[in-house]
């Protein structure tokens, strides 16, 4: 085995690669802002302008959701997507901006989450000359950077073993013993031989397992069966992928099996058909939500009253403003406490938490730990974002096809430092606990087998 400093060097190089990709992204947006007019940005899809504000409403956490509709340019494609950083702006006089995150895009309508500390200024958006712009977002890079630093500094044996095993492309694992009910379950009846073998091997894997599923081999079906089997022994499982689409597909399939799924983050694939699985909808549909919402509105009203005082006011007005600010703060604190309790109940009642690899850093998952994390579409996932999920678990099961296109890396420098190379690239052919799905279901005639 290589010297420890050599092993650590690989992860220090990954940190440099993340920074190179971050700089490339930041420079792109800097150039865009400096060289393009508003109209050019509208035409290239980075801006919706003008837009009409349809509604503003309180949602989970310290956020207001602002829904807008673009007034023209409906036929134009755009760069907005759920989870992307965006800026709501108004250019009536000088440009005023409210930074937020896109929570939904449906045709010519979009919803943006902005922090409630900006609530009392948002009325300016109703006056016209309002737009939305995609902005540079360094959060994914911060999340990946923090994950790699945690990997380097970890004291946990399972993380150290996986970390060092990826460097030498070898991971020694002592397979677990299966019980009878893990080999004779109804969840396995609809699987073919290679799918059953993959599930059995993953159940025996203590640290890292790989399901190599070429297109059309029933990878999603296999993962759903694996989750059903894992839930016989584990209370809760973390299921992730790099994209919202892939997470949504798995969340939908698991939910159809009667599994209690909590979708954390933004949904894209099934639109409103999947909304009932999200933390936001589960909170909104709970009997306590109306009470929490009223408290949030009361806090906003107290803040609004306080901000109405002019600068040249006397001692009485100053005291009144102080009391209103204090009241607003206490109401917000109370609403947050009620909401946290409600969210804890929802999370603890879930069997599967489904989110993106970056979404694992959501505050509601902060204190949670899982025995197993499953990462789907791992061939499309950057290694540092995978680590963000792996750090939350005792073992990881990765699924995908490393022979398909790699994840998108924009910086040539970052790619040259290995950011484009996935965990599947490094380990699928090397790991003993790697299982190939061999039966192809997308052929027009009879099923064919993939050469091993």
Protein backbone atom coordinates (compact mmCIF):
# COMPACT_ATOMS: atom_id res chain seq x y z
CA UNK A 1 0.00 0.00 0.00
CA UNK A 2 1.24 3.49 -0.78
CA UNK A 3 2.55 5.78 1.90
CA UNK A 4 -0.20 7.76 3.69
CA UNK A 5 1.06 11.09 2.32
CA UNK A 6 0.71 9.71 -1.24
CA UNK A 7 -2.84 8.68 -0.46
CA UNK A 8 -3.65 12.10 0.95
CA UNK A 9 -2.04 13.79 -2.05
CA UNK A 10 -4.82 12.50 -4.32
CA UNK A 11 -7.46 14.24 -2.22
CA UNK A 12 -5.44 17.47 -2.03
CA UNK A 13 -5.32 17.36 -5.83
CA UNK A 14 -9.12 16.91 -5.88
CA UNK A 15 -9.43 20.05 -3.72
CA UNK A 16 -7.39 21.96 -6.31
CA UNK A 17 -9.59 20.54 -9.08
CA UNK A 18 -12.75 21.71 -7.31
CA UNK A 19 -11.25 25.19 -6.99
CA UNK A 20 -10.29 25.23 -10.69
CA UNK A 21 -13.87 24.32 -11.65
CA UNK A 22 -15.23 26.97 -9.28
CA UNK A 23 -12.99 29.65 -10.80
CA UNK A 24 -14.02 28.63 -14.32
CA UNK A 25 -17.69 28.94 -13.38
CA UNK A 26 -17.19 32.30 -11.62
CA UNK A 27 -15.28 33.69 -14.61
CA UNK A 28 -18.05 32.61 -16.99
CA UNK A 29 -20.68 34.61 -15.05
CA UNK A 30 -18.31 37.57 -14.65
CA UNK A 31 -17.75 37.69 -18.41
CA UNK A 32 -21.47 37.25 -19.05
CA UNK A 33 -22.36 40.20 -16.83
CA UNK A 34 -19.65 42.45 -18.26
CA UNK A 35 -20.14 41.71 -21.94
CA UNK A 36 -23.87 41.09 -22.45
CA UNK A 37 -26.72 43.57 -22.47
CA UNK A 38 -29.99 42.78 -20.71
CA UNK A 39 -31.61 41.89 -24.05
CA UNK A 40 -28.74 39.56 -24.99
CA UNK A 41 -29.04 37.78 -21.64
CA UNK A 42 -32.80 37.41 -22.21
CA UNK A 43 -32.17 35.93 -25.67
CA UNK A 44 -29.53 33.52 -24.35
CA UNK A 45 -31.87 32.31 -21.57
CA UNK A 46 -30.03 33.66 -18.52
CA UNK A 47 -32.70 36.27 -17.78
CA UNK A 48 -36.50 36.40 -17.76
CA UNK A 49 -37.53 40.02 -18.28
CA UNK A 50 -40.02 41.44 -17.79
CA UNK A 51 -41.94 39.24 -15.35
CA UNK A 52 -45.14 39.70 -13.38
CA UNK A 53 -45.26 38.73 -9.71
CA UNK A 54 -48.26 36.41 -9.24
CA UNK A 55 -48.04 35.72 -5.51
CA UNK A 56 -45.81 35.64 -2.44
CA UNK A 57 -46.32 33.03 0.28
CA UNK A 58 -44.58 31.63 3.35
CA UNK A 59 -43.05 28.18 3.08
CA UNK A 60 -40.90 25.81 5.16
CA UNK A 61 -37.93 27.40 6.93
CA UNK A 62 -37.05 31.09 6.96
CA UNK A 63 -38.25 31.53 3.38
CA UNK A 64 -40.85 33.27 1.27
CA UNK A 65 -41.74 31.79 -2.10
CA UNK A 66 -42.26 34.32 -4.90
CA UNK A 67 -44.05 33.10 -8.03
CA UNK A 68 -43.48 35.02 -11.28
CA UNK A 69 -44.62 34.68 -14.88
CA UNK A 70 -42.71 35.95 -17.88
CA UNK A 71 -44.71 38.40 -19.94
CA UNK A 72 -43.13 37.60 -23.30
CA UNK A 73 -40.49 35.35 -24.85
CA UNK A 74 -42.42 32.17 -23.95
CA UNK A 75 -40.93 30.35 -26.93
CA UNK A 76 -37.33 30.97 -25.82
CA UNK A 77 -35.39 28.19 -24.10
CA UNK A 78 -33.75 29.16 -20.81
CA UNK A 79 -31.03 28.20 -18.31
CA UNK A 80 -33.23 28.17 -15.18
CA UNK A 81 -33.66 24.91 -13.29
CA UNK A 82 -34.79 23.80 -9.84
CA UNK A 83 -32.06 24.36 -7.27
CA UNK A 84 -30.19 27.00 -9.30
CA UNK A 85 -29.23 30.30 -7.69
CA UNK A 86 -31.23 33.22 -9.05
CA UNK A 87 -31.68 36.91 -8.44
CA UNK A 88 -35.04 38.69 -8.48
CA UNK A 89 -34.37 42.27 -9.57
CA UNK A 90 -36.17 45.55 -10.18
CA UNK A 91 -34.81 48.38 -12.35
CA UNK A 92 -37.38 51.14 -11.78
CA UNK A 93 -34.76 53.51 -10.40
CA UNK A 94 -31.46 51.92 -9.45
CA UNK A 95 -31.21 48.13 -9.70
CA UNK A 96 -32.39 46.34 -6.53
CA UNK A 97 -31.70 42.61 -6.15
CA UNK A 98 -33.02 39.79 -3.95
CA UNK A 99 -30.91 36.64 -4.11
CA UNK A 100 -32.65 33.30 -3.84
CA UNK A 101 -33.00 29.77 -5.21
CA UNK A 102 -35.32 28.50 -7.95
CA UNK A 103 -37.81 26.09 -6.35
CA UNK A 104 -39.86 25.28 -9.47
CA UNK A 105 -40.05 26.06 -13.19
CA UNK A 106 -43.24 25.15 -15.07
CA UNK A 107 -43.58 26.54 -18.59
CA UNK A 108 -43.59 30.34 -18.34
CA UNK A 109 -43.94 30.36 -14.53
CA UNK A 110 -41.21 30.15 -11.93
CA UNK A 111 -41.04 30.09 -8.13
CA UNK A 112 -38.07 31.51 -6.24
CA UNK A 113 -37.29 31.10 -2.54
CA UNK A 114 -35.93 34.22 -0.81
CA UNK A 115 -35.01 34.65 2.84
CA UNK A 116 -37.68 36.23 5.05
CA UNK A 117 -35.25 38.95 6.20
CA UNK A 118 -35.89 40.52 2.77
CA UNK A 119 -39.70 40.24 3.05
CA UNK A 120 -40.47 43.87 3.92
CA UNK A 121 -38.69 45.12 0.77
CA UNK A 122 -40.20 42.69 -1.73
CA UNK A 123 -43.19 44.94 -2.50
CA UNK A 124 -41.03 46.85 -4.98
CA UNK A 125 -41.22 43.80 -7.29
CA UNK A 126 -44.96 44.47 -7.80
CA UNK A 127 -44.34 47.83 -9.47
CA UNK A 128 -43.17 46.53 -12.86
CA UNK A 129 -39.71 46.48 -14.51
CA UNK A 130 -38.99 43.25 -12.61
CA UNK A 131 -36.95 40.27 -13.82
CA UNK A 132 -35.15 37.09 -12.75
CA UNK A 133 -31.54 36.21 -13.57
CA UNK A 134 -29.43 33.07 -13.20
CA UNK A 135 -26.47 33.95 -10.98
CA UNK A 136 -23.18 32.36 -9.99
CA UNK A 137 -23.59 29.93 -7.11
CA UNK A 138 -20.56 28.66 -5.23
CA UNK A 139 -22.54 26.50 -2.78
CA UNK A 140 -21.98 23.17 -4.62
CA UNK A 141 -18.24 23.86 -4.63
CA UNK A 142 -18.24 24.69 -0.91
CA UNK A 143 -20.15 21.48 -0.18
CA UNK A 144 -17.70 19.36 -2.22
CA UNK A 145 -14.68 21.10 -0.70
CA UNK A 146 -15.95 20.54 2.84
CA UNK A 147 -16.68 16.87 2.04
CA UNK A 148 -13.12 16.21 0.83
CA UNK A 149 -11.65 17.99 3.86
CA UNK A 150 -13.81 15.81 6.12
CA UNK A 151 -12.62 12.72 4.24
CA UNK A 152 -8.99 13.76 4.80
CA UNK A 153 -9.51 14.41 8.52
CA UNK A 154 -11.90 11.56 9.37
CA UNK A 155 -11.34 9.28 12.36
CA UNK A 156 -14.01 6.80 11.18
CA UNK A 157 -12.57 3.45 10.11
CA UNK A 158 -15.07 2.76 7.31
CA UNK A 159 -14.42 6.15 5.68
CA UNK A 160 -10.65 5.72 6.00
CA UNK A 161 -10.86 2.27 4.39
CA UNK A 162 -12.90 3.55 1.43
CA UNK A 163 -10.73 6.68 1.12
CA UNK A 164 -7.47 4.74 0.99
CA UNK A 165 -8.99 1.94 -1.10
CA UNK A 166 -9.91 4.39 -3.87
CA UNK A 167 -6.29 5.50 -4.14
CA UNK A 168 -4.88 1.99 -4.62
CA UNK A 169 -8.06 0.79 -6.40
CA UNK A 170 -8.41 -2.11 -4.01
CA UNK A 171 -10.73 -2.54 -1.04
CA UNK A 172 -10.62 -5.61 1.17
CA UNK A 173 -14.01 -6.45 2.67
CA UNK A 174 -15.19 -9.35 4.80
CA UNK A 175 -18.63 -10.22 3.44
CA UNK A 176 -21.59 -10.36 5.80
CA UNK A 177 -23.68 -13.49 6.32
CA UNK A 178 -27.21 -13.42 4.87
CA UNK A 179 -30.31 -14.66 6.69
CA UNK A 180 -32.85 -16.92 4.95
CA UNK A 181 -35.41 -14.10 4.65
CA UNK A 182 -32.81 -12.08 2.72
CA UNK A 183 -32.64 -14.71 -0.03
CA UNK A 184 -36.26 -15.86 -0.24
CA UNK A 185 -38.24 -12.61 -0.15
CA UNK A 186 -41.19 -11.70 -2.41
CA UNK A 187 -39.24 -8.56 -3.36
CA UNK A 188 -36.88 -10.79 -5.37
CA UNK A 189 -39.50 -12.81 -7.28
CA UNK A 190 -39.71 -10.49 -10.31
CA UNK A 191 -35.93 -10.19 -10.72
CA UNK A 192 -33.81 -12.12 -13.22
CA UNK A 193 -30.76 -14.13 -12.16
CA UNK A 194 -28.19 -11.32 -12.55
CA UNK A 195 -30.43 -8.86 -10.67
CA UNK A 196 -30.91 -11.33 -7.81
CA UNK A 197 -27.16 -11.93 -7.68
CA UNK A 198 -26.53 -8.17 -7.52
CA UNK A 199 -28.98 -7.68 -4.64
CA UNK A 200 -27.49 -10.62 -2.70
CA UNK A 201 -23.95 -9.33 -3.18
CA UNK A 202 -24.87 -5.81 -2.05
CA UNK A 203 -26.57 -7.17 1.09
CA UNK A 204 -23.32 -9.00 1.95
CA UNK A 205 -21.14 -5.93 1.33
CA UNK A 206 -19.95 -4.09 4.48
CA UNK A 207 -18.26 -1.00 2.97
CA UNK A 208 -18.71 -0.46 -0.78
CA UNK A 209 -20.60 -2.30 -3.50
CA UNK A 210 -21.22 -1.51 -7.17
CA UNK A 211 -24.12 -2.48 -9.42
CA UNK A 212 -22.93 -2.08 -13.00
CA UNK A 213 -26.15 -1.55 -14.92
CA UNK A 214 -25.80 -0.84 -18.64
CA UNK A 215 -28.85 0.85 -20.26
CA UNK A 216 -31.92 -1.40 -20.40
CA UNK A 217 -30.79 -3.95 -17.82
CA UNK A 218 -33.31 -2.98 -15.11
CA UNK A 219 -30.99 -1.10 -12.79
CA UNK A 220 -33.81 0.91 -11.19
CA UNK A 221 -35.90 -2.25 -10.65
CA UNK A 222 -32.88 -3.86 -8.97
CA UNK A 223 -32.31 -0.86 -6.70
CA UNK A 224 -35.98 -0.80 -5.64
CA UNK A 225 -35.76 -4.50 -4.68
CA UNK A 226 -32.50 -3.83 -2.84
CA UNK A 227 -34.13 -1.05 -0.81
CA UNK A 228 -37.05 -3.37 0.07
CA UNK A 229 -34.57 -5.96 1.32
CA UNK A 230 -32.47 -3.45 3.27
CA UNK A 231 -35.56 -2.11 5.05
CA UNK A 232 -36.09 -5.54 6.62
CA UNK A 233 -33.05 -4.76 8.80
CA UNK A 234 -32.56 -1.00 8.57
CA UNK A 235 -34.93 1.67 9.85
CA UNK A 236 -34.02 4.31 7.27
CA UNK A 237 -32.01 4.48 4.02
CA UNK A 238 -30.49 7.43 2.19
CA UNK A 239 -31.02 7.34 -1.60
CA UNK A 240 -29.16 9.87 -3.76
CA UNK A 241 -28.17 10.81 -7.30
CA UNK A 242 -26.43 13.77 -8.88
CA UNK A 243 -29.53 15.02 -10.72
CA UNK A 244 -33.03 15.80 -9.50
CA UNK A 245 -34.45 13.73 -12.36
CA UNK A 246 -32.72 10.54 -11.23
CA UNK A 247 -33.73 11.11 -7.59
CA UNK A 248 -37.34 11.69 -8.64
CA UNK A 249 -37.48 8.46 -10.64
CA UNK A 250 -36.30 6.37 -7.70
CA UNK A 251 -38.52 8.25 -5.23
CA UNK A 252 -41.56 7.59 -7.43
CA UNK A 253 -40.79 3.88 -7.89
CA UNK A 254 -40.17 3.35 -4.17
CA UNK A 255 -43.34 5.22 -3.23
CA UNK A 256 -45.38 3.00 -5.57
CA UNK A 257 -44.15 0.03 -3.51
CA UNK A 258 -45.77 1.52 -0.43
CA UNK A 259 -42.47 2.67 1.08
CA UNK A 260 -42.60 5.90 3.10
CA UNK A 261 -40.40 8.22 1.01
CA UNK A 262 -39.37 11.74 1.96
CA UNK A 263 -38.10 13.78 -0.99
CA UNK A 264 -35.73 16.47 0.29
CA UNK A 265 -34.92 19.25 -2.15
CA UNK A 266 -36.43 20.20 -5.50
CA UNK A 267 -38.58 17.95 -7.67
CA UNK A 268 -38.41 18.13 -11.45
CA UNK A 269 -39.44 14.93 -13.15
CA UNK A 270 -42.98 14.15 -12.06
CA UNK A 271 -43.98 17.75 -11.41
CA UNK A 272 -46.92 17.95 -9.01
CA UNK A 273 -47.49 14.17 -9.08
CA UNK A 274 -44.49 13.78 -6.79
CA UNK A 275 -45.08 16.89 -4.66
CA UNK A 276 -46.80 14.91 -1.89
CA UNK A 277 -43.46 13.26 -1.08
CA UNK A 278 -41.63 16.54 -0.42
CA UNK A 279 -40.99 17.93 3.04
CA UNK A 280 -42.78 21.13 2.00
CA UNK A 281 -46.02 19.36 1.05
CA UNK A 282 -45.93 17.03 4.05
CA UNK A 283 -45.59 20.09 6.29
CA UNK A 284 -48.31 22.03 4.43
CA UNK A 285 -50.71 19.08 4.69
CA UNK A 286 -50.12 18.70 8.43
CA UNK A 287 -52.74 20.06 10.83
CA UNK A 288 -50.14 22.21 12.63
CA UNK A 289 -49.05 24.13 9.50
CA UNK A 290 -51.84 26.73 9.51
CA UNK A 291 -50.94 27.71 13.07
CA UNK A 292 -47.21 27.98 12.18
CA UNK A 293 -48.06 30.06 9.10
CA UNK A 294 -50.16 32.48 11.19
CA UNK A 295 -47.24 33.00 13.59
CA UNK A 296 -44.92 33.73 10.62
CA UNK A 297 -47.39 36.28 9.23
CA UNK A 298 -47.67 37.95 12.66
CA UNK A 299 -43.86 38.24 12.78
CA UNK A 300 -43.84 39.79 9.30
CA UNK A 301 -46.58 42.28 10.27
CA UNK A 302 -44.66 43.35 13.41
CA UNK A 303 -41.51 43.87 11.30
CA UNK A 304 -43.50 45.85 8.75
CA UNK A 305 -44.92 48.16 11.42
CA UNK A 306 -41.45 48.70 12.89
CA UNK A 307 -40.00 49.65 9.50
CA UNK A 308 -42.69 52.29 8.97
CA UNK A 309 -41.16 54.60 11.59
CA UNK A 310 -39.21 57.49 10.06
CA UNK A 311 -35.72 58.42 11.12
CA UNK A 312 -36.68 61.58 12.99
CA UNK A 313 -38.90 60.07 15.65
CA UNK A 314 -39.03 60.64 19.42
CA UNK A 315 -38.28 58.39 22.41
CA UNK A 316 -41.79 56.89 22.52
CA UNK A 317 -41.69 55.88 18.86
CA UNK A 318 -38.17 54.52 19.33
CA UNK A 319 -39.35 52.35 22.24
CA UNK A 320 -42.35 51.17 20.25
CA UNK A 321 -40.18 50.21 17.29
CA UNK A 322 -37.83 48.35 19.63
CA UNK A 323 -40.76 46.41 21.11
CA UNK A 324 -42.12 45.55 17.65
CA UNK A 325 -38.69 44.26 16.54
CA UNK A 326 -38.45 42.20 19.73
CA UNK A 327 -41.96 40.81 19.19
CA UNK A 328 -41.15 39.87 15.57
CA UNK A 329 -37.95 38.11 16.66
CA UNK A 330 -39.74 36.10 19.36
CA UNK A 331 -42.56 35.13 16.98
CA UNK A 332 -40.06 33.93 14.35
CA UNK A 333 -38.21 31.94 16.99
CA UNK A 334 -41.45 30.32 18.12
CA UNK A 335 -42.50 29.50 14.54
CA UNK A 336 -39.07 27.96 13.86
CA UNK A 337 -39.31 25.82 17.00
CA UNK A 338 -42.79 24.54 16.08
CA UNK A 339 -41.68 23.86 12.51
CA UNK A 340 -38.50 22.01 13.55
CA UNK A 341 -40.55 19.73 15.81
CA UNK A 342 -42.98 19.04 12.97
CA UNK A 343 -40.17 18.32 10.48
CA UNK A 344 -38.45 15.97 12.96
CA UNK A 345 -41.67 13.95 13.22
CA UNK A 346 -41.95 13.73 9.41
CA UNK A 347 -38.29 12.70 8.97
CA UNK A 348 -38.47 10.06 11.70
CA UNK A 349 -41.60 8.60 10.08
CA UNK A 350 -39.81 8.11 6.74
CA UNK A 351 -38.18 4.89 5.56
CA UNK A 352 -36.27 6.43 2.65
CA UNK A 353 -34.76 9.91 2.42
CA UNK A 354 -34.30 10.80 -1.27
CA UNK A 355 -32.18 13.80 -2.28
CA UNK A 356 -29.39 14.93 -4.58
CA UNK A 357 -25.77 14.44 -3.53
CA UNK A 358 -25.42 18.17 -2.82
CA UNK A 359 -28.88 18.16 -1.18
CA UNK A 360 -27.52 15.81 1.51
CA UNK A 361 -26.23 19.02 3.15
CA UNK A 362 -29.81 20.18 3.78
CA UNK A 363 -30.12 21.33 7.39
CA UNK A 364 -32.85 18.78 8.20
CA UNK A 365 -30.36 15.94 7.55
CA UNK A 366 -27.52 17.52 9.51
CA UNK A 367 -27.63 15.23 12.56
CA UNK A 368 -28.74 12.10 10.69
CA UNK A 369 -26.64 9.00 10.05
CA UNK A 370 -27.54 5.98 7.92
CA UNK A 371 -26.29 2.43 7.78
CA UNK A 372 -26.59 2.45 3.96
CA UNK A 373 -26.51 5.12 1.27
CA UNK A 374 -27.40 4.22 -2.32
CA UNK A 375 -26.02 6.45 -5.09
CA UNK A 376 -27.75 6.01 -8.45
CA UNK A 377 -26.35 7.33 -11.76
CA UNK A 378 -22.91 7.24 -10.10
CA UNK A 379 -21.27 7.35 -13.53
CA UNK A 380 -22.66 10.90 -13.85
CA UNK A 381 -21.56 11.95 -10.35
CA UNK A 382 -18.37 13.78 -9.40
CA UNK A 383 -16.40 11.94 -6.72
CA UNK A 384 -16.42 14.88 -4.25
CA UNK A 385 -20.23 15.13 -4.35
CA UNK A 386 -20.46 11.36 -3.78
CA UNK A 387 -18.33 11.77 -0.68
CA UNK A 388 -20.88 14.25 0.66
CA UNK A 389 -23.35 11.35 0.86
CA UNK A 390 -20.87 8.59 1.77
CA UNK A 391 -19.87 10.54 4.89
CA UNK A 392 -23.43 10.15 6.20
CA UNK A 393 -23.30 6.33 6.14
CA UNK A 394 -21.53 3.13 7.17
CA UNK A 395 -21.57 1.69 3.65
CA UNK A 396 -22.25 2.85 0.10
CA UNK A 397 -23.87 1.08 -2.85
CA UNK A 398 -23.14 2.77 -6.18
CA UNK A 399 -25.12 2.04 -9.35
CA UNK A 400 -24.51 3.13 -12.92
CA UNK A 401 -22.53 2.44 -16.07
CA UNK A 402 -19.00 3.83 -16.23
CA UNK A 403 -18.93 3.12 -19.98
CA UNK A 404 -21.48 5.92 -20.58
CA UNK A 405 -20.66 9.64 -20.77
CA UNK A 406 -18.74 11.06 -17.78
CA UNK A 407 -20.06 13.90 -15.58
CA UNK A 408 -19.77 17.43 -16.98
CA UNK A 409 -16.56 19.20 -16.01
CA UNK A 410 -16.19 22.62 -17.64
CA UNK A 411 -12.60 23.41 -16.69
CA UNK A 412 -9.89 21.59 -18.67
CA UNK A 413 -7.53 22.14 -15.74
CA UNK A 414 -9.98 20.48 -13.33
CA UNK A 415 -10.48 17.56 -15.73
CA UNK A 416 -6.70 17.11 -16.04
CA UNK A 417 -6.49 16.85 -12.23
CA UNK A 418 -8.97 13.97 -12.20
CA UNK A 419 -12.30 15.64 -11.43
CA UNK A 420 -13.87 13.93 -14.45
CA UNK A 421 -12.88 10.48 -13.16
CA UNK A 422 -15.71 8.90 -11.17
CA UNK A 423 -15.64 6.31 -8.39
CA UNK A 424 -17.14 3.82 -10.88
CA UNK A 425 -14.28 4.52 -13.31
CA UNK A 426 -11.78 3.66 -10.60
CA UNK A 427 -13.50 0.71 -8.94
CA UNK A 428 -16.03 -1.13 -11.16
CA UNK A 429 -13.41 -3.41 -12.75
CA UNK A 430 -11.31 -3.68 -9.57
CA UNK A 431 -13.79 -4.27 -6.76
CA UNK A 432 -14.78 -7.85 -5.90
CA UNK A 433 -18.15 -6.57 -4.69
CA UNK A 434 -19.08 -5.34 -8.17
CA UNK A 435 -22.01 -7.00 -9.95
CA UNK A 436 -22.91 -6.71 -13.65
CA UNK A 437 -26.57 -6.79 -14.75
CA UNK A 438 -26.51 -8.93 -17.89
CA UNK A 439 -30.06 -9.25 -19.19
CA UNK A 440 -31.10 -6.58 -21.69
CA UNK A 441 -34.78 -5.53 -21.79
CA UNK A 442 -34.75 -2.79 -24.43
CA UNK A 443 -34.25 -5.01 -27.48
CA UNK A 444 -37.07 -5.38 -30.01
CA UNK A 445 -36.92 -9.16 -30.17
CA UNK A 446 -35.85 -11.62 -27.51
CA UNK A 447 -33.82 -10.57 -24.48
CA UNK A 448 -30.12 -10.59 -25.02
CA UNK A 449 -27.31 -11.08 -22.58
CA UNK A 450 -24.44 -8.63 -22.15
CA UNK A 451 -20.99 -10.09 -22.48
CA UNK A 452 -19.16 -10.24 -19.16
